[in-house]
C-alpha cells in the first residue's frame, strides 16, 4: 500500500470515530473502536515525514499552525469549552512529537545521543500532559519511537507494544468479570489491525495530496459542529 492509501484509510476511520463522539445517540460505540485504526497510521507517517523532509522547522510550524486552526472546531465538536491549553486536538500531539524529534536531532549534532533522548522526551512528554493532548505523553513517546527506531520490524513491534499497553487493561478487566461493552473490547483488535496495515506499506508516496490530510481535520470537525447545531445534538 502507498502512503496515500494508508492515510486515506486513517482519515476515513477518524471520521467514523468522530461521528461516534459527536453523535453518540445515533452511532454505536463500535464506531469509536474503528477509529483506533487512525492514530497509529498518522503518527507513523508524521515520523516518516520528519525523517524525509528537507526542512524539519517548516514541517514543525505547519503542524503548529493546524493545531491552532483546529482547536476551536475540535472543542465545539467534542463538547468541550474552548481552550487552547487544555483538552487539545491531535495536531498538538503531532506538533509536540515533532518538537521531541527536533530536540533529539539537535542533541545528536552535539554528540549527545543518549542524553538527547532524555532531553527530547522529558520536557515534551510533560508538555503533552500539561496540555492534555490526545493520547497524552504516550502519544509523544509513540511518535518519537516511530522516528528513532530504524528497522521496520522493530517499529512494528513497538506499535504492537503501544497498542497492548493502551488497551490490554480493558481485556484484563473483562477477564476479572467486570462488564465491558463490546465497543471497548474491539479497540485493541482495531489498534493491532493498524499495525498490519502499516506492515503493508510499500515505501511509495502514491498520489500527491499532502494538504488534503491537513485540511480535512479542521474541515470535518467544522462540518460536525454545523450538523450538530442543525439537529440540536450536543457532542460528548
C-alpha atoms as a PDB file:
ATOM      1  CA  UNK A   1       0.000   0.000   0.000  1.00  0.00           C
ATOM      2  CA  UNK A   2       1.138   3.546  -0.674  1.00  0.00           C
ATOM      3  CA  UNK A   3       1.292   6.298   1.922  1.00  0.00           C
ATOM      4  CA  UNK A   4      -1.728   7.918   0.274  1.00  0.00           C
ATOM      5  CA  UNK A   5      -3.805   4.742   0.614  1.00  0.00           C
ATOM      6  CA  UNK A   6      -2.875   4.247   4.253  1.00  0.00           C
ATOM      7  CA  UNK A   7      -3.544   7.882   5.138  1.00  0.00           C
ATOM      8  CA  UNK A   8      -6.921   7.677   3.404  1.00  0.00           C
ATOM      9  CA  UNK A   9      -7.834   4.624   5.482  1.00  0.00           C
ATOM     10  CA  UNK A  10      -6.787   6.515   8.602  1.00  0.00           C
ATOM     11  CA  UNK A  11      -8.800   9.575   7.551  1.00  0.00           C
ATOM     12  CA  UNK A  12     -11.973   7.547   6.982  1.00  0.00           C
ATOM     13  CA  UNK A  13     -11.579   5.695  10.279  1.00  0.00           C
ATOM     14  CA  UNK A  14     -11.023   9.010  12.094  1.00  0.00           C
ATOM     15  CA  UNK A  15     -14.243  10.378  10.620  1.00  0.00           C
ATOM     16  CA  UNK A  16     -16.113   7.264  11.762  1.00  0.00           C
ATOM     17  CA  UNK A  17     -14.615   7.683  15.227  1.00  0.00           C
ATOM     18  CA  UNK A  18     -15.658  11.319  15.466  1.00  0.00           C
ATOM     19  CA  UNK A  19     -19.182  10.505  14.376  1.00  0.00           C
ATOM     20  CA  UNK A  20     -19.340   8.252  17.415  1.00  0.00           C
ATOM     21  CA  UNK A  21     -18.025  11.054  19.632  1.00  0.00           C
ATOM     22  CA  UNK A  22     -20.181  13.882  18.290  1.00  0.00           C
ATOM     23  CA  UNK A  23     -23.402  11.884  17.887  1.00  0.00           C
ATOM     24  CA  UNK A  24     -23.386   9.070  20.479  1.00  0.00           C
ATOM     25  CA  UNK A  25     -27.173   8.765  20.296  1.00  0.00           C
ATOM     26  CA  UNK A  26     -27.001   7.875  16.609  1.00  0.00           C
ATOM     27  CA  UNK A  27     -23.758   5.928  16.272  1.00  0.00           C
ATOM     28  CA  UNK A  28     -22.750   2.991  18.492  1.00  0.00           C
ATOM     29  CA  UNK A  29     -19.552   2.700  20.496  1.00  0.00           C
ATOM     30  CA  UNK A  30     -18.183   0.337  17.850  1.00  0.00           C
ATOM     31  CA  UNK A  31     -17.589   3.438  15.704  1.00  0.00           C
ATOM     32  CA  UNK A  32     -15.024   4.549  18.278  1.00  0.00           C
ATOM     33  CA  UNK A  33     -13.323   1.168  18.057  1.00  0.00           C
ATOM     34  CA  UNK A  34     -12.974   1.520  14.279  1.00  0.00           C
ATOM     35  CA  UNK A  35     -11.329   4.875  14.915  1.00  0.00           C
ATOM     36  CA  UNK A  36      -8.397   3.147  16.653  1.00  0.00           C
ATOM     37  CA  UNK A  37      -7.020   2.485  13.160  1.00  0.00           C
ATOM     38  CA  UNK A  38      -6.285   6.162  12.612  1.00  0.00           C
ATOM     39  CA  UNK A  39      -3.814   7.266  15.256  1.00  0.00           C
ATOM     40  CA  UNK A  40      -1.003   4.711  14.716  1.00  0.00           C
ATOM     41  CA  UNK A  41      -1.071   5.295  10.962  1.00  0.00           C
ATOM     42  CA  UNK A  42      -0.997   9.089  11.199  1.00  0.00           C
ATOM     43  CA  UNK A  43       1.698   9.023  13.884  1.00  0.00           C
ATOM     44  CA  UNK A  44       3.809   6.648  11.794  1.00  0.00           C
ATOM     45  CA  UNK A  45       3.684   8.938   8.776  1.00  0.00           C
ATOM     46  CA  UNK A  46       4.409  12.057  10.822  1.00  0.00           C
ATOM     47  CA  UNK A  47       7.607  10.329  11.914  1.00  0.00           C
ATOM     48  CA  UNK A  48       8.273   9.374   8.283  1.00  0.00           C
ATOM     49  CA  UNK A  49       7.692  12.973   7.298  1.00  0.00           C
ATOM     50  CA  UNK A  50      10.311  14.197   9.747  1.00  0.00           C
ATOM     51  CA  UNK A  51      12.682  11.506   8.531  1.00  0.00           C
ATOM     52  CA  UNK A  52      12.464  12.644   4.893  1.00  0.00           C
ATOM     53  CA  UNK A  53      11.572  16.349   4.959  1.00  0.00           C
ATOM     54  CA  UNK A  54      14.076  18.893   3.707  1.00  0.00           C
ATOM     55  CA  UNK A  55      13.115  21.309   6.477  1.00  0.00           C
ATOM     56  CA  UNK A  56      12.066  19.970   9.865  1.00  0.00           C
ATOM     57  CA  UNK A  57      11.428  23.520  11.056  1.00  0.00           C
ATOM     58  CA  UNK A  58       8.895  24.264   8.301  1.00  0.00           C
ATOM     59  CA  UNK A  59       7.202  20.917   8.906  1.00  0.00           C
ATOM     60  CA  UNK A  60       7.000  21.729  12.612  1.00  0.00           C
ATOM     61  CA  UNK A  61       5.491  25.155  12.001  1.00  0.00           C
ATOM     62  CA  UNK A  62       2.891  23.641   9.670  1.00  0.00           C
ATOM     63  CA  UNK A  63       1.810  21.240  12.413  1.00  0.00           C
ATOM     64  CA  UNK A  64       1.636  24.090  14.918  1.00  0.00           C
ATOM     65  CA  UNK A  65      -0.475  26.218  12.579  1.00  0.00           C
ATOM     66  CA  UNK A  66      -3.025  23.445  12.100  1.00  0.00           C
ATOM     67  CA  UNK A  67      -3.064  22.723  15.823  1.00  0.00           C
ATOM     68  CA  UNK A  68      -4.195  26.305  16.430  1.00  0.00           C
ATOM     69  CA  UNK A  69      -6.595  26.338  13.464  1.00  0.00           C
ATOM     70  CA  UNK A  70      -8.213  23.075  14.546  1.00  0.00           C
ATOM     71  CA  UNK A  71      -8.707  23.791  18.240  1.00  0.00           C
ATOM     72  CA  UNK A  72     -11.971  25.744  18.116  1.00  0.00           C
ATOM     73  CA  UNK A  73     -13.826  23.296  15.819  1.00  0.00           C
ATOM     74  CA  UNK A  74     -12.330  20.420  17.828  1.00  0.00           C
ATOM     75  CA  UNK A  75     -13.577  21.791  21.150  1.00  0.00           C
ATOM     76  CA  UNK A  76     -17.021  22.522  19.737  1.00  0.00           C
ATOM     77  CA  UNK A  77     -17.324  19.109  18.084  1.00  0.00           C
ATOM     78  CA  UNK A  78     -16.191  17.269  21.227  1.00  0.00           C
ATOM     79  CA  UNK A  79     -18.473  19.293  23.504  1.00  0.00           C
ATOM     80  CA  UNK A  80     -15.558  20.947  25.336  1.00  0.00           C
ATOM     81  CA  UNK A  81     -15.182  24.549  26.435  1.00  0.00           C
ATOM     82  CA  UNK A  82     -12.954  26.411  24.007  1.00  0.00           C
ATOM     83  CA  UNK A  83      -9.485  26.300  25.495  1.00  0.00           C
ATOM     84  CA  UNK A  84      -6.182  26.336  23.638  1.00  0.00           C
ATOM     85  CA  UNK A  85      -4.321  24.997  26.678  1.00  0.00           C
ATOM     86  CA  UNK A  86      -6.427  22.031  27.775  1.00  0.00           C
ATOM     87  CA  UNK A  87      -8.078  19.004  26.122  1.00  0.00           C
ATOM     88  CA  UNK A  88      -6.299  19.884  22.909  1.00  0.00           C
ATOM     89  CA  UNK A  89      -6.571  18.307  19.478  1.00  0.00           C
ATOM     90  CA  UNK A  90      -4.398  15.671  17.814  1.00  0.00           C
ATOM     91  CA  UNK A  91      -2.304  18.241  15.927  1.00  0.00           C
ATOM     92  CA  UNK A  92      -0.939  19.348  19.303  1.00  0.00           C
ATOM     93  CA  UNK A  93       0.254  15.776  19.846  1.00  0.00           C
ATOM     94  CA  UNK A  94       1.815  15.642  16.388  1.00  0.00           C
ATOM     95  CA  UNK A  95       3.471  19.026  16.897  1.00  0.00           C
ATOM     96  CA  UNK A  96       4.934  18.151  20.299  1.00  0.00           C
ATOM     97  CA  UNK A  97       6.114  14.811  18.926  1.00  0.00           C
ATOM     98  CA  UNK A  98       7.861  16.783  16.193  1.00  0.00           C
ATOM     99  CA  UNK A  99       9.454  19.055  18.788  1.00  0.00           C
ATOM    100  CA  UNK A 100      10.836  15.955  20.526  1.00  0.00           C
ATOM    101  CA  UNK A 101      12.332  14.783  17.222  1.00  0.00           C
ATOM    102  CA  UNK A 102      13.921  18.174  16.517  1.00  0.00           C
ATOM    103  CA  UNK A 103      15.387  18.391  20.028  1.00  0.00           C
ATOM    104  CA  UNK A 104      16.801  14.907  19.645  1.00  0.00           C
ATOM    105  CA  UNK A 105      18.418  15.746  16.319  1.00  0.00           C
ATOM    106  CA  UNK A 106      19.922  18.929  17.756  1.00  0.00           C
ATOM    107  CA  UNK A 107      21.450  16.998  20.660  1.00  0.00           C
ATOM    108  CA  UNK A 108      22.833  14.391  18.247  1.00  0.00           C
ATOM    109  CA  UNK A 109      24.722  17.082  16.352  1.00  0.00           C
ATOM    110  CA  UNK A 110      26.421  17.899  19.649  1.00  0.00           C
ATOM    111  CA  UNK A 111      27.415  14.252  20.101  1.00  0.00           C
ATOM    112  CA  UNK A 112      24.955  13.706  22.951  1.00  0.00           C
ATOM    113  CA  UNK A 113      22.776  10.911  21.602  1.00  0.00           C
ATOM    114  CA  UNK A 114      21.826   9.162  24.872  1.00  0.00           C
ATOM    115  CA  UNK A 115      21.365  12.436  26.722  1.00  0.00           C
ATOM    116  CA  UNK A 116      19.479  13.655  23.662  1.00  0.00           C
ATOM    117  CA  UNK A 117      16.742  11.074  24.157  1.00  0.00           C
ATOM    118  CA  UNK A 118      16.176  12.217  27.746  1.00  0.00           C
ATOM    119  CA  UNK A 119      16.415  15.901  26.847  1.00  0.00           C
ATOM    120  CA  UNK A 120      13.973  15.460  23.970  1.00  0.00           C
ATOM    121  CA  UNK A 121      11.371  13.361  25.749  1.00  0.00           C
ATOM    122  CA  UNK A 122      11.271  14.699  29.303  1.00  0.00           C
ATOM    123  CA  UNK A 123      10.040  18.245  28.533  1.00  0.00           C
ATOM    124  CA  UNK A 124       7.821  17.248  25.607  1.00  0.00           C
ATOM    125  CA  UNK A 125       6.044  14.462  27.487  1.00  0.00           C
ATOM    126  CA  UNK A 126       5.441  16.857  30.387  1.00  0.00           C
ATOM    127  CA  UNK A 127       4.120  19.487  27.964  1.00  0.00           C
ATOM    128  CA  UNK A 128       1.774  16.956  26.357  1.00  0.00           C
ATOM    129  CA  UNK A 129       0.395  16.012  29.762  1.00  0.00           C
ATOM    130  CA  UNK A 130       0.033  19.660  30.771  1.00  0.00           C
ATOM    131  CA  UNK A 131      -1.933  20.466  27.607  1.00  0.00           C
ATOM    132  CA  UNK A 132      -3.903  17.202  27.936  1.00  0.00           C
ATOM    133  CA  UNK A 133      -3.360  16.463  24.267  1.00  0.00           C
ATOM    134  CA  UNK A 134      -4.958  13.490  22.532  1.00  0.00           C
ATOM    135  CA  UNK A 135      -3.079  10.338  23.627  1.00  0.00           C
ATOM    136  CA  UNK A 136      -1.115  12.403  26.158  1.00  0.00           C
ATOM    137  CA  UNK A 137       2.572  11.866  26.778  1.00  0.00           C
ATOM    138  CA  UNK A 138       2.223   8.322  25.459  1.00  0.00           C
ATOM    139  CA  UNK A 139       1.368   9.789  22.070  1.00  0.00           C
ATOM    140  CA  UNK A 140       4.596  11.800  22.039  1.00  0.00           C
ATOM    141  CA  UNK A 141       6.581   8.702  23.009  1.00  0.00           C
ATOM    142  CA  UNK A 142       4.917   6.791  20.180  1.00  0.00           C
ATOM    143  CA  UNK A 143       5.817   9.372  17.529  1.00  0.00           C
ATOM    144  CA  UNK A 144       9.382   9.542  18.797  1.00  0.00           C
ATOM    145  CA  UNK A 145       9.692   5.752  18.761  1.00  0.00           C
ATOM    146  CA  UNK A 146       8.488   5.620  15.160  1.00  0.00           C
ATOM    147  CA  UNK A 147      11.235   8.100  14.270  1.00  0.00           C
ATOM    148  CA  UNK A 148      14.099   6.805  16.394  1.00  0.00           C
ATOM    149  CA  UNK A 149      13.630   3.096  15.670  1.00  0.00           C
ATOM    150  CA  UNK A 150      15.141   2.358  12.265  1.00  0.00           C
ATOM    151  CA  UNK A 151      14.438  -1.329  11.380  1.00  0.00           C
ATOM    152  CA  UNK A 152      10.874  -1.737  10.170  1.00  0.00           C
ATOM    153  CA  UNK A 153      10.266  -4.952  12.099  1.00  0.00           C
ATOM    154  CA  UNK A 154      11.217  -3.243  15.360  1.00  0.00           C
ATOM    155  CA  UNK A 155       8.944  -0.300  14.577  1.00  0.00           C
ATOM    156  CA  UNK A 156       6.050  -2.693  14.014  1.00  0.00           C
ATOM    157  CA  UNK A 157       6.880  -4.459  17.279  1.00  0.00           C
ATOM    158  CA  UNK A 158       6.845  -1.099  19.060  1.00  0.00           C
ATOM    159  CA  UNK A 159       3.448  -0.301  17.518  1.00  0.00           C
ATOM    160  CA  UNK A 160       2.100  -3.574  18.899  1.00  0.00           C
ATOM    161  CA  UNK A 161       3.613  -2.785  22.279  1.00  0.00           C
ATOM    162  CA  UNK A 162       1.957   0.620  22.491  1.00  0.00           C
ATOM    163  CA  UNK A 163      -1.409  -0.871  21.499  1.00  0.00           C
ATOM    164  CA  UNK A 164      -1.109  -3.569  24.159  1.00  0.00           C
ATOM    165  CA  UNK A 165      -0.153  -1.065  26.850  1.00  0.00           C
ATOM    166  CA  UNK A 166      -3.086   1.162  25.952  1.00  0.00           C
ATOM    167  CA  UNK A 167      -5.885  -1.370  25.588  1.00  0.00           C
ATOM    168  CA  UNK A 168      -4.895  -4.584  27.393  1.00  0.00           C
ATOM    169  CA  UNK A 169      -6.249  -3.225  30.723  1.00  0.00           C
ATOM    170  CA  UNK A 170      -9.736  -3.380  29.180  1.00  0.00           C
ATOM    171  CA  UNK A 171      -9.296  -7.072  28.399  1.00  0.00           C
ATOM    172  CA  UNK A 172      -7.871  -7.713  31.852  1.00  0.00           C
ATOM    173  CA  UNK A 173     -10.869  -6.029  33.437  1.00  0.00           C
ATOM    174  CA  UNK A 174     -13.143  -8.221  31.348  1.00  0.00           C
ATOM    175  CA  UNK A 175     -11.242 -11.341  32.441  1.00  0.00           C
ATOM    176  CA  UNK A 176     -11.844 -10.327  36.074  1.00  0.00           C
ATOM    177  CA  UNK A 177     -15.574 -10.347  35.475  1.00  0.00           C
ATOM    178  CA  UNK A 178     -16.020  -6.610  35.003  1.00  0.00           C
ATOM    179  CA  UNK A 179     -18.620  -5.932  32.343  1.00  0.00           C
ATOM    180  CA  UNK A 180     -17.002  -4.200  29.368  1.00  0.00           C
ATOM    181  CA  UNK A 181     -19.016  -3.026  26.383  1.00  0.00           C
ATOM    182  CA  UNK A 182     -18.225  -4.623  23.028  1.00  0.00           C
ATOM    183  CA  UNK A 183     -17.028  -1.331  21.558  1.00  0.00           C
ATOM    184  CA  UNK A 184     -14.276  -1.135  24.161  1.00  0.00           C
ATOM    185  CA  UNK A 185     -13.370  -4.785  23.668  1.00  0.00           C
ATOM    186  CA  UNK A 186     -12.833  -4.142  19.951  1.00  0.00           C
ATOM    187  CA  UNK A 187     -10.393  -1.276  20.464  1.00  0.00           C
ATOM    188  CA  UNK A 188      -7.312  -3.477  20.864  1.00  0.00           C
ATOM    189  CA  UNK A 189      -8.057  -5.595  17.748  1.00  0.00           C
ATOM    190  CA  UNK A 190      -8.513  -2.459  15.633  1.00  0.00           C
ATOM    191  CA  UNK A 191      -5.356  -0.866  17.063  1.00  0.00           C
ATOM    192  CA  UNK A 192      -3.428  -4.029  16.184  1.00  0.00           C
ATOM    193  CA  UNK A 193      -5.036  -4.055  12.727  1.00  0.00           C
ATOM    194  CA  UNK A 194      -3.376  -0.689  12.088  1.00  0.00           C
ATOM    195  CA  UNK A 195      -0.010  -2.411  12.628  1.00  0.00           C
ATOM    196  CA  UNK A 196      -0.897  -4.965   9.954  1.00  0.00           C
ATOM    197  CA  UNK A 197      -1.847  -2.153   7.578  1.00  0.00           C
ATOM    198  CA  UNK A 198       1.426  -0.286   8.148  1.00  0.00           C
ATOM    199  CA  UNK A 199       3.291  -3.555   7.538  1.00  0.00           C
ATOM    200  CA  UNK A 200       1.788  -3.466   4.027  1.00  0.00           C
ATOM    201  CA  UNK A 201       3.388  -0.070   3.316  1.00  0.00           C
ATOM    202  CA  UNK A 202       5.460  -0.310   0.146  1.00  0.00           C
ATOM    203  CA  UNK A 203       7.527   2.829   0.709  1.00  0.00           C
ATOM    204  CA  UNK A 204       5.797   4.726  -2.123  1.00  0.00           C
ATOM    205  CA  UNK A 205       4.093   8.091  -1.642  1.00  0.00           C
ATOM    206  CA  UNK A 206       1.229   7.458  -4.051  1.00  0.00           C
ATOM    207  CA  UNK A 207      -0.977  10.389  -5.056  1.00  0.00           C
ATOM    208  CA  UNK A 208       0.441  13.755  -4.015  1.00  0.00           C
ATOM    209  CA  UNK A 209      -2.365  15.319  -1.986  1.00  0.00           C
ATOM    210  CA  UNK A 210      -0.452  16.395   1.115  1.00  0.00           C
ATOM    211  CA  UNK A 211      -2.726  19.283   2.019  1.00  0.00           C
ATOM    212  CA  UNK A 212      -5.825  17.077   1.929  1.00  0.00           C
ATOM    213  CA  UNK A 213      -4.811  15.357   5.151  1.00  0.00           C
ATOM    214  CA  UNK A 214      -4.120  18.666   6.878  1.00  0.00           C
ATOM    215  CA  UNK A 215      -7.255  20.496   5.785  1.00  0.00           C
ATOM    216  CA  UNK A 216      -9.554  17.503   6.259  1.00  0.00           C
ATOM    217  CA  UNK A 217      -9.052  17.548  10.031  1.00  0.00           C
ATOM    218  CA  UNK A 218     -10.426  21.018  10.915  1.00  0.00           C
ATOM    219  CA  UNK A 219     -12.840  20.861   7.960  1.00  0.00           C
ATOM    220  CA  UNK A 220     -14.580  17.657   9.046  1.00  0.00           C
ATOM    221  CA  UNK A 221     -14.763  18.937  12.643  1.00  0.00           C
ATOM    222  CA  UNK A 222     -16.421  22.137  11.425  1.00  0.00           C
ATOM    223  CA  UNK A 223     -18.951  20.059   9.467  1.00  0.00           C
ATOM    224  CA  UNK A 224     -19.709  18.009  12.589  1.00  0.00           C
ATOM    225  CA  UNK A 225     -20.290  21.214  14.554  1.00  0.00           C
ATOM    226  CA  UNK A 226     -22.626  22.556  11.858  1.00  0.00           C
ATOM    227  CA  UNK A 227     -24.622  19.319  11.660  1.00  0.00           C
ATOM    228  CA  UNK A 228     -24.791  19.141  15.450  1.00  0.00           C
ATOM    229  CA  UNK A 229     -26.199  22.656  15.567  1.00  0.00           C
ATOM    230  CA  UNK A 230     -28.776  21.796  12.918  1.00  0.00           C
ATOM    231  CA  UNK A 231     -30.057  18.650  14.577  1.00  0.00           C
ATOM    232  CA  UNK A 232     -29.688  20.025  18.087  1.00  0.00           C
ATOM    233  CA  UNK A 233     -27.346  17.332  19.343  1.00  0.00           C
ATOM    234  CA  UNK A 234     -24.542  18.182  21.731  1.00  0.00           C
ATOM    235  CA  UNK A 235     -21.377  16.149  21.146  1.00  0.00           C
ATOM    236  CA  UNK A 236     -19.739  14.465  24.104  1.00  0.00           C
END
